[in-house]
C-alpha atoms as a PDB file:
ATOM      1  CA  MET A   1      76.469 119.095 122.910  1.00  0.00           C
ATOM      2  CA  GLY A   2      73.641 117.333 121.091  1.00  0.00           C
ATOM      3  CA  ILE A   3      74.246 116.045 117.232  1.00  0.00           C
ATOM      4  CA  ARG A   4      72.593 116.888 114.989  1.00  0.00           C
ATOM      5  CA  ARG A   5      71.992 114.276 112.122  1.00  0.00           C
ATOM      6  CA  SER A   6      70.520 113.353 108.888  1.00  0.00           C
ATOM      7  CA  ALA A   7      67.332 112.530 108.804  1.00  0.00           C
ATOM      8  CA  SER A   8      67.355 109.496 106.595  1.00  0.00           C
ATOM      9  CA  THR A   9      70.342 108.219 109.045  1.00  0.00           C
ATOM     10  CA  LEU A  10      67.912 108.477 112.744  1.00  0.00           C
ATOM     11  CA  THR A  11      68.427 105.129 114.718  1.00  0.00           C
ATOM     12  CA  THR A  12      64.705 103.864 115.560  1.00  0.00           C
ATOM     13  CA  THR A  13      65.624 104.887 118.736  1.00  0.00           C
ATOM     14  CA  GLU A  14      66.353 108.680 118.083  1.00  0.00           C
ATOM     15  CA  LEU A  15      63.411 108.028 116.217  1.00  0.00           C
ATOM     16  CA  THR A  16      61.260 107.568 118.703  1.00  0.00           C
ATOM     17  CA  ASP A  17      62.881 110.164 121.032  1.00  0.00           C
ATOM     18  CA  LEU A  18      61.735 112.372 118.159  1.00  0.00           C
ATOM     19  CA  ARG A  19      58.353 111.844 117.951  1.00  0.00           C
ATOM     20  CA  ASP A  20      57.425 111.074 121.394  1.00  0.00           C
ATOM     21  CA  ALA A  21      58.724 114.963 121.272  1.00  0.00           C
ATOM     22  CA  PHE A  22      56.747 116.568 119.526  1.00  0.00           C
ATOM     23  CA  SER A  23      53.924 114.324 120.999  1.00  0.00           C
ATOM     24  CA  ALA A  24      55.089 116.135 124.589  1.00  0.00           C
ATOM     25  CA  ALA A  25      54.790 119.577 122.934  1.00  0.00           C
ATOM     26  CA  TYR A  26      51.678 119.388 121.211  1.00  0.00           C
ATOM     27  CA  GLY A  27      50.398 118.718 124.937  1.00  0.00           C
ATOM     28  CA  LEU A  28      51.511 122.136 126.350  1.00  0.00           C
ATOM     29  CA  THR A  29      49.213 125.010 125.548  1.00  0.00           C
ATOM     30  CA  ASP A  30      51.603 127.711 126.991  1.00  0.00           C
ATOM     31  CA  GLU A  31      54.916 129.531 125.965  1.00  0.00           C
ATOM     32  CA  ARG A  32      56.667 125.689 126.695  1.00  0.00           C
ATOM     33  CA  GLY A  33      54.598 124.009 123.618  1.00  0.00           C
ATOM     34  CA  TYR A  34      54.176 123.319 120.351  1.00  0.00           C
ATOM     35  CA  ALA A  35      51.433 125.997 119.610  1.00  0.00           C
ATOM     36  CA  PHE A  36      53.841 128.979 120.913  1.00  0.00           C
ATOM     37  CA  TYR A  37      56.383 128.059 118.800  1.00  0.00           C
ATOM     38  CA  ALA A  38      55.066 128.077 114.972  1.00  0.00           C
ATOM     39  CA  GLY A  39      53.275 130.878 115.701  1.00  0.00           C
ATOM     40  CA  VAL A  40      56.217 132.746 116.770  1.00  0.00           C
ATOM     41  CA  HIS A  41      57.029 131.968 112.108  1.00  0.00           C
ATOM     42  CA  GLY A  42      53.702 132.738 111.483  1.00  0.00           C
ATOM     43  CA  LEU A  43      50.529 133.676 112.247  1.00  0.00           C
ATOM     44  CA  PRO A  44      49.033 134.615 115.448  1.00  0.00           C
ATOM     45  CA  LEU A  45      50.345 138.145 114.464  1.00  0.00           C
ATOM     46  CA  PRO A  46      52.783 139.386 115.429  1.00  0.00           C
ATOM     47  CA  THR A  47      55.096 137.648 113.400  1.00  0.00           C
ATOM     48  CA  TYR A  48      58.889 137.723 114.115  1.00  0.00           C
ATOM     49  CA  CYS A  49      60.160 135.646 111.066  1.00  0.00           C
ATOM     50  CA  GLU A  50      62.513 137.210 108.916  1.00  0.00           C
ATOM     51  CA  HIS A  51      62.597 136.758 105.042  1.00  0.00           C
ATOM     52  CA  GLY A  52      64.172 138.966 102.667  1.00  0.00           C
ATOM     53  CA  THR A  53      66.717 140.421 105.405  1.00  0.00           C
ATOM     54  CA  SER A  54      69.845 139.776 106.199  1.00  0.00           C
ATOM     55  CA  LEU A  55      68.205 138.275 109.005  1.00  0.00           C
ATOM     56  CA  PHE A  56      67.273 135.599 107.598  1.00  0.00           C
ATOM     57  CA  LEU A  57      70.052 133.257 109.379  1.00  0.00           C
ATOM     58  CA  PRO A  58      70.600 133.897 111.711  1.00  0.00           C
ATOM     59  CA  TRP A  59      67.305 134.691 113.188  1.00  0.00           C
ATOM     60  CA  HIS A  60      66.321 131.023 112.057  1.00  0.00           C
ATOM     61  CA  ARG A  61      69.057 129.361 113.492  1.00  0.00           C
ATOM     62  CA  ALA A  62      67.828 131.325 116.952  1.00  0.00           C
ATOM     63  CA  TYR A  63      64.387 130.054 116.519  1.00  0.00           C
ATOM     64  CA  LEU A  64      65.362 125.861 116.205  1.00  0.00           C
ATOM     65  CA  TYR A  65      67.955 126.716 118.680  1.00  0.00           C
ATOM     66  CA  PHE A  66      64.895 128.033 121.131  1.00  0.00           C
ATOM     67  CA  PHE A  67      62.911 125.562 119.457  1.00  0.00           C
ATOM     68  CA  GLU A  68      65.200 122.962 119.919  1.00  0.00           C
ATOM     69  CA  ARG A  69      65.423 123.378 123.882  1.00  0.00           C
ATOM     70  CA  ALA A  70      61.463 123.312 124.214  1.00  0.00           C
ATOM     71  CA  LEU A  71      61.249 120.089 122.944  1.00  0.00           C
ATOM     72  CA  VAL A  72      63.792 118.480 125.048  1.00  0.00           C
ATOM     73  CA  ASP A  73      61.908 119.902 127.849  1.00  0.00           C
ATOM     74  CA  ALA A  74      58.878 118.746 126.856  1.00  0.00           C
ATOM     75  CA  LEU A  75      60.594 115.434 126.277  1.00  0.00           C
ATOM     76  CA  ARG A  76      61.971 115.273 129.814  1.00  0.00           C
ATOM     77  CA  ARG A  77      59.094 116.477 131.657  1.00  0.00           C
ATOM     78  CA  ALA A  78      56.219 114.264 129.605  1.00  0.00           C
ATOM     79  CA  ARG A  79      58.560 111.323 130.638  1.00  0.00           C
ATOM     80  CA  GLY A  80      59.823 112.229 134.201  1.00  0.00           C
ATOM     81  CA  ASP A  81      63.194 111.444 132.774  1.00  0.00           C
ATOM     82  CA  GLN A  82      65.885 114.436 133.242  1.00  0.00           C
ATOM     83  CA  THR A  83      68.424 112.752 131.508  1.00  0.00           C
ATOM     84  CA  ALA A  84      66.212 112.579 128.201  1.00  0.00           C
ATOM     85  CA  THR A  85      67.326 114.376 125.386  1.00  0.00           C
ATOM     86  CA  VAL A  86      66.179 114.517 121.817  1.00  0.00           C
ATOM     87  CA  SER A  87      68.256 117.003 118.753  1.00  0.00           C
ATOM     88  CA  LEU A  88      67.091 117.943 115.654  1.00  0.00           C
ATOM     89  CA  PRO A  89      67.548 116.294 112.545  1.00  0.00           C
ATOM     90  CA  TRP A  90      68.082 117.877 109.154  1.00  0.00           C
ATOM     91  CA  TRP A  91      66.432 116.661 105.466  1.00  0.00           C
ATOM     92  CA  ASP A  92      69.369 116.356 103.108  1.00  0.00           C
ATOM     93  CA  TRP A  93      66.716 117.008  99.933  1.00  0.00           C
ATOM     94  CA  THR A  94      69.743 117.166  97.673  1.00  0.00           C
ATOM     95  CA  SER A  95      70.430 113.388  98.653  1.00  0.00           C
ATOM     96  CA  THR A  96      69.576 110.204  96.602  1.00  0.00           C
ATOM     97  CA  GLN A  97      66.961 108.687  98.421  1.00  0.00           C
ATOM     98  CA  ALA A  98      64.728 112.382  98.696  1.00  0.00           C
ATOM     99  CA  HIS A  99      65.342 112.025  94.959  1.00  0.00           C
ATOM    100  CA  SER A 100      64.128 109.014  95.008  1.00  0.00           C
ATOM    101  CA  THR A 101      61.249 108.749  97.756  1.00  0.00           C
ATOM    102  CA  GLY A 102      60.465 112.669  98.519  1.00  0.00           C
ATOM    103  CA  LEU A 103      59.908 113.350 102.174  1.00  0.00           C
ATOM    104  CA  PRO A 104      62.046 111.234 104.881  1.00  0.00           C
ATOM    105  CA  PRO A 105      60.253 108.166 105.763  1.00  0.00           C
ATOM    106  CA  GLY A 106      59.911 108.990 109.513  1.00  0.00           C
ATOM    107  CA  TYR A 107      58.088 111.813 108.219  1.00  0.00           C
ATOM    108  CA  ARG A 108      55.503 110.318 106.250  1.00  0.00           C
ATOM    109  CA  ALA A 109      51.649 109.063 106.969  1.00  0.00           C
ATOM    110  CA  GLY A 110      50.780 105.568 107.981  1.00  0.00           C
ATOM    111  CA  PRO A 111      48.656 102.977 105.600  1.00  0.00           C
ATOM    112  CA  GLY A 112      45.790 104.710 108.484  1.00  0.00           C
ATOM    113  CA  GLY A 113      46.651 108.239 107.638  1.00  0.00           C
ATOM    114  CA  PRO A 114      49.080 111.370 109.335  1.00  0.00           C
ATOM    115  CA  ALA A 115      48.517 108.995 112.588  1.00  0.00           C
ATOM    116  CA  ASN A 116      52.760 109.807 112.958  1.00  0.00           C
ATOM    117  CA  PRO A 117      53.272 113.323 114.759  1.00  0.00           C
ATOM    118  CA  LEU A 118      55.626 114.063 112.609  1.00  0.00           C
ATOM    119  CA  ALA A 119      53.637 113.244 109.329  1.00  0.00           C
ATOM    120  CA  ALA A 120      50.908 116.333 110.421  1.00  0.00           C
ATOM    121  CA  GLY A 121      51.278 118.837 113.162  1.00  0.00           C
ATOM    122  CA  PRO A 122      48.342 120.274 114.919  1.00  0.00           C
ATOM    123  CA  VAL A 123      46.901 124.036 114.327  1.00  0.00           C
ATOM    124  CA  THR A 124      45.653 125.895 116.824  1.00  0.00           C
ATOM    125  CA  LEU A 125      44.282 129.318 116.419  1.00  0.00           C
ATOM    126  CA  ASN A 126      41.480 131.037 117.182  1.00  0.00           C
ATOM    127  CA  SER A 127      38.648 130.740 115.843  1.00  0.00           C
ATOM    128  CA  ALA A 128      39.154 134.474 113.769  1.00  0.00           C
ATOM    129  CA  ASP A 129      42.620 133.169 112.379  1.00  0.00           C
ATOM    130  CA  LEU A 130      41.978 129.938 111.436  1.00  0.00           C
ATOM    131  CA  ALA A 131      38.467 131.412 108.964  1.00  0.00           C
ATOM    132  CA  LEU A 132      41.465 133.957 107.964  1.00  0.00           C
ATOM    133  CA  VAL A 133      43.668 131.099 107.258  1.00  0.00           C
ATOM    134  CA  ARG A 134      40.910 128.256 105.287  1.00  0.00           C
ATOM    135  CA  ALA A 135      39.358 131.956 103.311  1.00  0.00           C
ATOM    136  CA  ARG A 136      42.915 132.954 102.035  1.00  0.00           C
ATOM    137  CA  LEU A 137      45.156 129.652 102.201  1.00  0.00           C
ATOM    138  CA  PRO A 138      43.004 126.707 101.059  1.00  0.00           C
ATOM    139  CA  GLY A 139      44.670 123.067 101.250  1.00  0.00           C
ATOM    140  CA  ALA A 140      47.150 124.427 103.680  1.00  0.00           C
ATOM    141  CA  ILE A 141      45.087 123.070 106.357  1.00  0.00           C
ATOM    142  CA  THR A 142      42.313 120.070 107.401  1.00  0.00           C
ATOM    143  CA  ASP A 143      38.264 120.929 108.034  1.00  0.00           C
ATOM    144  CA  GLY A 144      37.229 120.907 111.767  1.00  0.00           C
ATOM    145  CA  ALA A 145      37.685 121.972 115.307  1.00  0.00           C
ATOM    146  CA  ASN A 146      40.849 120.599 114.865  1.00  0.00           C
ATOM    147  CA  PRO A 147      43.111 120.964 112.372  1.00  0.00           C
ATOM    148  CA  THR A 148      45.921 119.606 110.911  1.00  0.00           C
ATOM    149  CA  THR A 149      48.513 120.421 108.492  1.00  0.00           C
ATOM    150  CA  ILE A 150      47.897 119.228 104.926  1.00  0.00           C
ATOM    151  CA  ARG A 151      51.462 118.702 102.445  1.00  0.00           C
ATOM    152  CA  ASP A 152      51.208 117.395  98.517  1.00  0.00           C
ATOM    153  CA  PRO A 153      54.577 117.360  97.654  1.00  0.00           C
ATOM    154  CA  ASP A 154      55.618 117.182  93.835  1.00  0.00           C
ATOM    155  CA  LEU A 155      57.735 114.918  91.802  1.00  0.00           C
ATOM    156  CA  PRO A 156      61.432 113.989  94.411  1.00  0.00           C
ATOM    157  CA  ASP A 157      63.229 114.901  91.727  1.00  0.00           C
ATOM    158  CA  GLU A 158      62.184 117.856  91.426  1.00  0.00           C
ATOM    159  CA  LEU A 159      63.685 118.481  94.981  1.00  0.00           C
ATOM    160  CA  PRO A 160      67.236 121.056  94.901  1.00  0.00           C
ATOM    161  CA  ARG A 161      70.652 119.249  93.638  1.00  0.00           C
ATOM    162  CA  ALA A 162      73.819 118.778  95.281  1.00  0.00           C
ATOM    163  CA  SER A 163      74.867 120.769  92.239  1.00  0.00           C
ATOM    164  CA  THR A 164      72.264 124.309  92.734  1.00  0.00           C
ATOM    165  CA  VAL A 165      73.913 124.034  96.427  1.00  0.00           C
ATOM    166  CA  SER A 166      77.531 124.155  95.856  1.00  0.00           C
ATOM    167  CA  ARG A 167      76.952 126.959  93.233  1.00  0.00           C
ATOM    168  CA  ALA A 168      75.058 129.033  96.436  1.00  0.00           C
ATOM    169  CA  LEU A 169      78.542 127.606  98.934  1.00  0.00           C
ATOM    170  CA  ARG A 170      80.981 129.037  96.759  1.00  0.00           C
ATOM    171  CA  SER A 171      79.102 132.387  97.446  1.00  0.00           C
ATOM    172  CA  THR A 172      82.096 135.144  98.555  1.00  0.00           C
ATOM    173  CA  THR A 173      79.769 137.729 100.648  1.00  0.00           C
ATOM    174  CA  PHE A 174      77.915 136.971 103.650  1.00  0.00           C
ATOM    175  CA  ASN A 175      74.821 138.353 102.148  1.00  0.00           C
ATOM    176  CA  SER A 176      75.315 136.408  98.182  1.00  0.00           C
ATOM    177  CA  PHE A 177      75.016 133.302 100.253  1.00  0.00           C
ATOM    178  CA  SER A 178      72.215 134.139 102.410  1.00  0.00           C
ATOM    179  CA  THR A 179      69.649 135.333  99.036  1.00  0.00           C
ATOM    180  CA  LEU A 180      70.865 132.209  97.289  1.00  0.00           C
ATOM    181  CA  LEU A 181      70.030 130.375 100.211  1.00  0.00           C
ATOM    182  CA  GLU A 182      67.095 131.690 100.505  1.00  0.00           C
ATOM    183  CA  SER A 183      66.001 130.754  97.160  1.00  0.00           C
ATOM    184  CA  ILE A 184      66.143 127.016  97.760  1.00  0.00           C
ATOM    185  CA  HIS A 185      64.980 127.382 100.848  1.00  0.00           C
ATOM    186  CA  GLY A 186      62.089 128.563  99.464  1.00  0.00           C
ATOM    187  CA  GLY A 187      61.010 126.360  96.374  1.00  0.00           C
ATOM    188  CA  VAL A 188      61.373 123.114  99.051  1.00  0.00           C
ATOM    189  CA  HIS A 189      58.238 125.539 100.982  1.00  0.00           C
ATOM    190  CA  GLY A 190      56.740 125.349  97.545  1.00  0.00           C
ATOM    191  CA  TRP A 191      57.784 121.215  96.709  1.00  0.00           C
ATOM    192  CA  VAL A 192      56.182 119.548  99.811  1.00  0.00           C
ATOM    193  CA  GLY A 193      52.525 122.364  99.170  1.00  0.00           C
ATOM    194  CA  GLY A 194      50.263 122.893 101.400  1.00  0.00           C
ATOM    195  CA  ALA A 195      50.752 124.374 105.173  1.00  0.00           C
ATOM    196  CA  MET A 196      54.883 124.837 103.896  1.00  0.00           C
ATOM    197  CA  THR A 197      53.652 127.006 100.566  1.00  0.00           C
ATOM    198  CA  ALA A 198      51.944 129.670 103.570  1.00  0.00           C
ATOM    199  CA  VAL A 199      54.209 131.855 106.192  1.00  0.00           C
ATOM    200  CA  PRO A 200      51.167 131.800 108.651  1.00  0.00           C
ATOM    201  CA  VAL A 201      51.060 128.290 108.544  1.00  0.00           C
ATOM    202  CA  ALA A 202      54.722 127.029 107.628  1.00  0.00           C
ATOM    203  CA  ALA A 203      55.415 126.502 111.029  1.00  0.00           C
ATOM    204  CA  PHE A 204      52.739 124.077 112.115  1.00  0.00           C
ATOM    205  CA  ASP A 205      53.856 121.715 110.061  1.00  0.00           C
ATOM    206  CA  PRO A 206      57.023 119.158 111.539  1.00  0.00           C
ATOM    207  CA  ILE A 207      59.217 119.390 108.788  1.00  0.00           C
ATOM    208  CA  PHE A 208      59.130 122.783 108.735  1.00  0.00           C
ATOM    209  CA  TYR A 209      62.680 122.276 111.289  1.00  0.00           C
ATOM    210  CA  ALA A 210      63.921 119.202 109.476  1.00  0.00           C
ATOM    211  CA  HIS A 211      64.013 121.660 106.571  1.00  0.00           C
ATOM    212  CA  HIS A 212      64.618 123.987 108.274  1.00  0.00           C
ATOM    213  CA  SER A 213      68.034 122.073 109.652  1.00  0.00           C
ATOM    214  CA  MET A 214      68.922 121.485 106.481  1.00  0.00           C
ATOM    215  CA  ILE A 215      69.170 125.512 106.036  1.00  0.00           C
ATOM    216  CA  ASP A 216      71.390 126.205 109.538  1.00  0.00           C
ATOM    217  CA  ARG A 217      73.781 122.783 108.627  1.00  0.00           C
ATOM    218  CA  LEU A 218      74.565 124.703 104.984  1.00  0.00           C
ATOM    219  CA  TRP A 219      75.431 128.058 106.285  1.00  0.00           C
ATOM    220  CA  TYR A 220      77.871 125.982 109.146  1.00  0.00           C
ATOM    221  CA  LEU A 221      79.589 124.228 105.935  1.00  0.00           C
ATOM    222  CA  TRP A 222      79.692 127.701 104.165  1.00  0.00           C
ATOM    223  CA  GLN A 223      80.973 128.865 107.845  1.00  0.00           C
ATOM    224  CA  ILE A 224      83.597 126.789 107.946  1.00  0.00           C
ATOM    225  CA  SER A 225      84.508 126.748 103.949  1.00  0.00           C
ATOM    226  CA  PRO A 226      87.440 129.360 103.442  1.00  0.00           C
ATOM    227  CA  ARG A 227      84.746 131.439 101.697  1.00  0.00           C
ATOM    228  CA  GLY A 228      82.709 131.980 104.994  1.00  0.00           C
ATOM    229  CA  ILE A 229      82.988 135.180 106.455  1.00  0.00           C
ATOM    230  CA  ASN A 230      80.038 136.539 109.453  1.00  0.00           C
ATOM    231  CA  PRO A 231      77.471 139.252 108.356  1.00  0.00           C
ATOM    232  CA  PRO A 232      78.325 142.881 107.795  1.00  0.00           C
ATOM    233  CA  ALA A 233      79.230 144.234 111.768  1.00  0.00           C
ATOM    234  CA  ARG A 234      76.587 147.102 111.455  1.00  0.00           C
ATOM    235  CA  LEU A 235      73.927 143.721 111.792  1.00  0.00           C
ATOM    236  CA  LEU A 236      76.045 142.261 114.476  1.00  0.00           C
ATOM    237  CA  ASP A 237      74.177 143.532 117.914  1.00  0.00           C
ATOM    238  CA  ARG A 238      71.089 143.187 116.247  1.00  0.00           C
ATOM    239  CA  VAL A 239      68.887 142.013 118.361  1.00  0.00           C
ATOM    240  CA  LEU A 240      66.722 139.235 117.445  1.00  0.00           C
ATOM    241  CA  PRO A 241      63.347 139.339 118.537  1.00  0.00           C
ATOM    242  CA  PRO A 242      61.753 137.260 120.346  1.00  0.00           C
ATOM    243  CA  PHE A 243      64.715 136.052 121.348  1.00  0.00           C
ATOM    244  CA  PRO A 244      66.847 137.356 123.840  1.00  0.00           C
ATOM    245  CA  VAL A 245      69.904 136.790 121.429  1.00  0.00           C
ATOM    246  CA  THR A 246      72.057 138.592 119.128  1.00  0.00           C
ATOM    247  CA  VAL A 247      72.950 138.249 115.693  1.00  0.00           C
ATOM    248  CA  ARG A 248      76.507 137.793 116.816  1.00  0.00           C
ATOM    249  CA  GLN A 249      75.591 134.923 119.687  1.00  0.00           C
ATOM    250  CA  MET A 250      74.438 133.106 116.835  1.00  0.00           C
ATOM    251  CA  LEU A 251      77.871 132.508 114.528  1.00  0.00           C
ATOM    252  CA  ASP A 252      79.316 129.701 116.737  1.00  0.00           C
ATOM    253  CA  ILE A 253      76.906 126.868 116.906  1.00  0.00           C
ATOM    254  CA  SER A 254      79.776 124.839 119.825  1.00  0.00           C
ATOM    255  CA  THR A 255      78.723 128.082 121.840  1.00  0.00           C
ATOM    256  CA  LEU A 256      75.017 127.237 121.740  1.00  0.00           C
ATOM    257  CA  GLY A 257      75.776 123.277 122.316  1.00  0.00           C
ATOM    258  CA  TYR A 258      75.099 121.434 119.277  1.00  0.00           C
ATOM    259  CA  GLU A 259      76.870 120.397 116.129  1.00  0.00           C
ATOM    260  CA  TYR A 260      76.154 118.549 112.804  1.00  0.00           C
ATOM    261  CA  ALA A 261      77.298 115.137 111.485  1.00  0.00           C
ATOM    262  CA  VAL A 262      78.748 116.294 108.284  1.00  0.00           C
ATOM    263  CA  GLN A 263      78.433 115.383 105.120  1.00  0.00           C
ATOM    264  CA  VAL A 264      80.073 117.550 102.810  1.00  0.00           C
ATOM    265  CA  ILE A 265      77.134 118.307  99.788  1.00  0.00           C
ATOM    266  CA  GLY A 266      79.491 116.778  96.352  1.00  0.00           C
END
């Protein structure tokens, strides 16, 4: 079972594995690669992601689950080692460290620019979609023939606070919890700026996955709390396209083969 850890506590080896996995996924141009999974959330069309609905949490859990499996496969293929593994870390933007320094250290650009594969992601779109993004979403991606994502983060202390998350965790219905958490989630997208502010290209930025792992972790914390309940029964057998799974199959992370190194939000 894979353990998703805080991005701020990754060991040197874990961070190297994560960077190597992302780099390997960047190099795949088919449905095993980074561009495919980033595109599932936005461009190219059709868009599958769920926002503003009761499927927001289960759809994004499925998305992370299949993307994480793709990262493991890419890492194993690149290293020729079928025992290699990697897990998606979570970015705790409520932490004291985040409110002091902002983005996790492992996701920042090096002194000479974003050589770190977690500092920016390649935006692999056709020419028409690239032109559309540049015209309608200025500041989201770089210029040139091989664009990458851009960030424009706000001040660290403007990130959501633990007290805000605690209020969401006190929700007593699935819909109220999902709505509150999605609102917090949207604020973090806006805080990062650049590509993360725009659904069509947000998932091309590697920080997207650390952010959504935090969202998934908070859902898990709510699920194991006395208040946590399942989504409405009418949703449980809904399929979450393009993934061949239902909401019901996304409810118990132990059956999905991962867990969180839980640090309770105070």
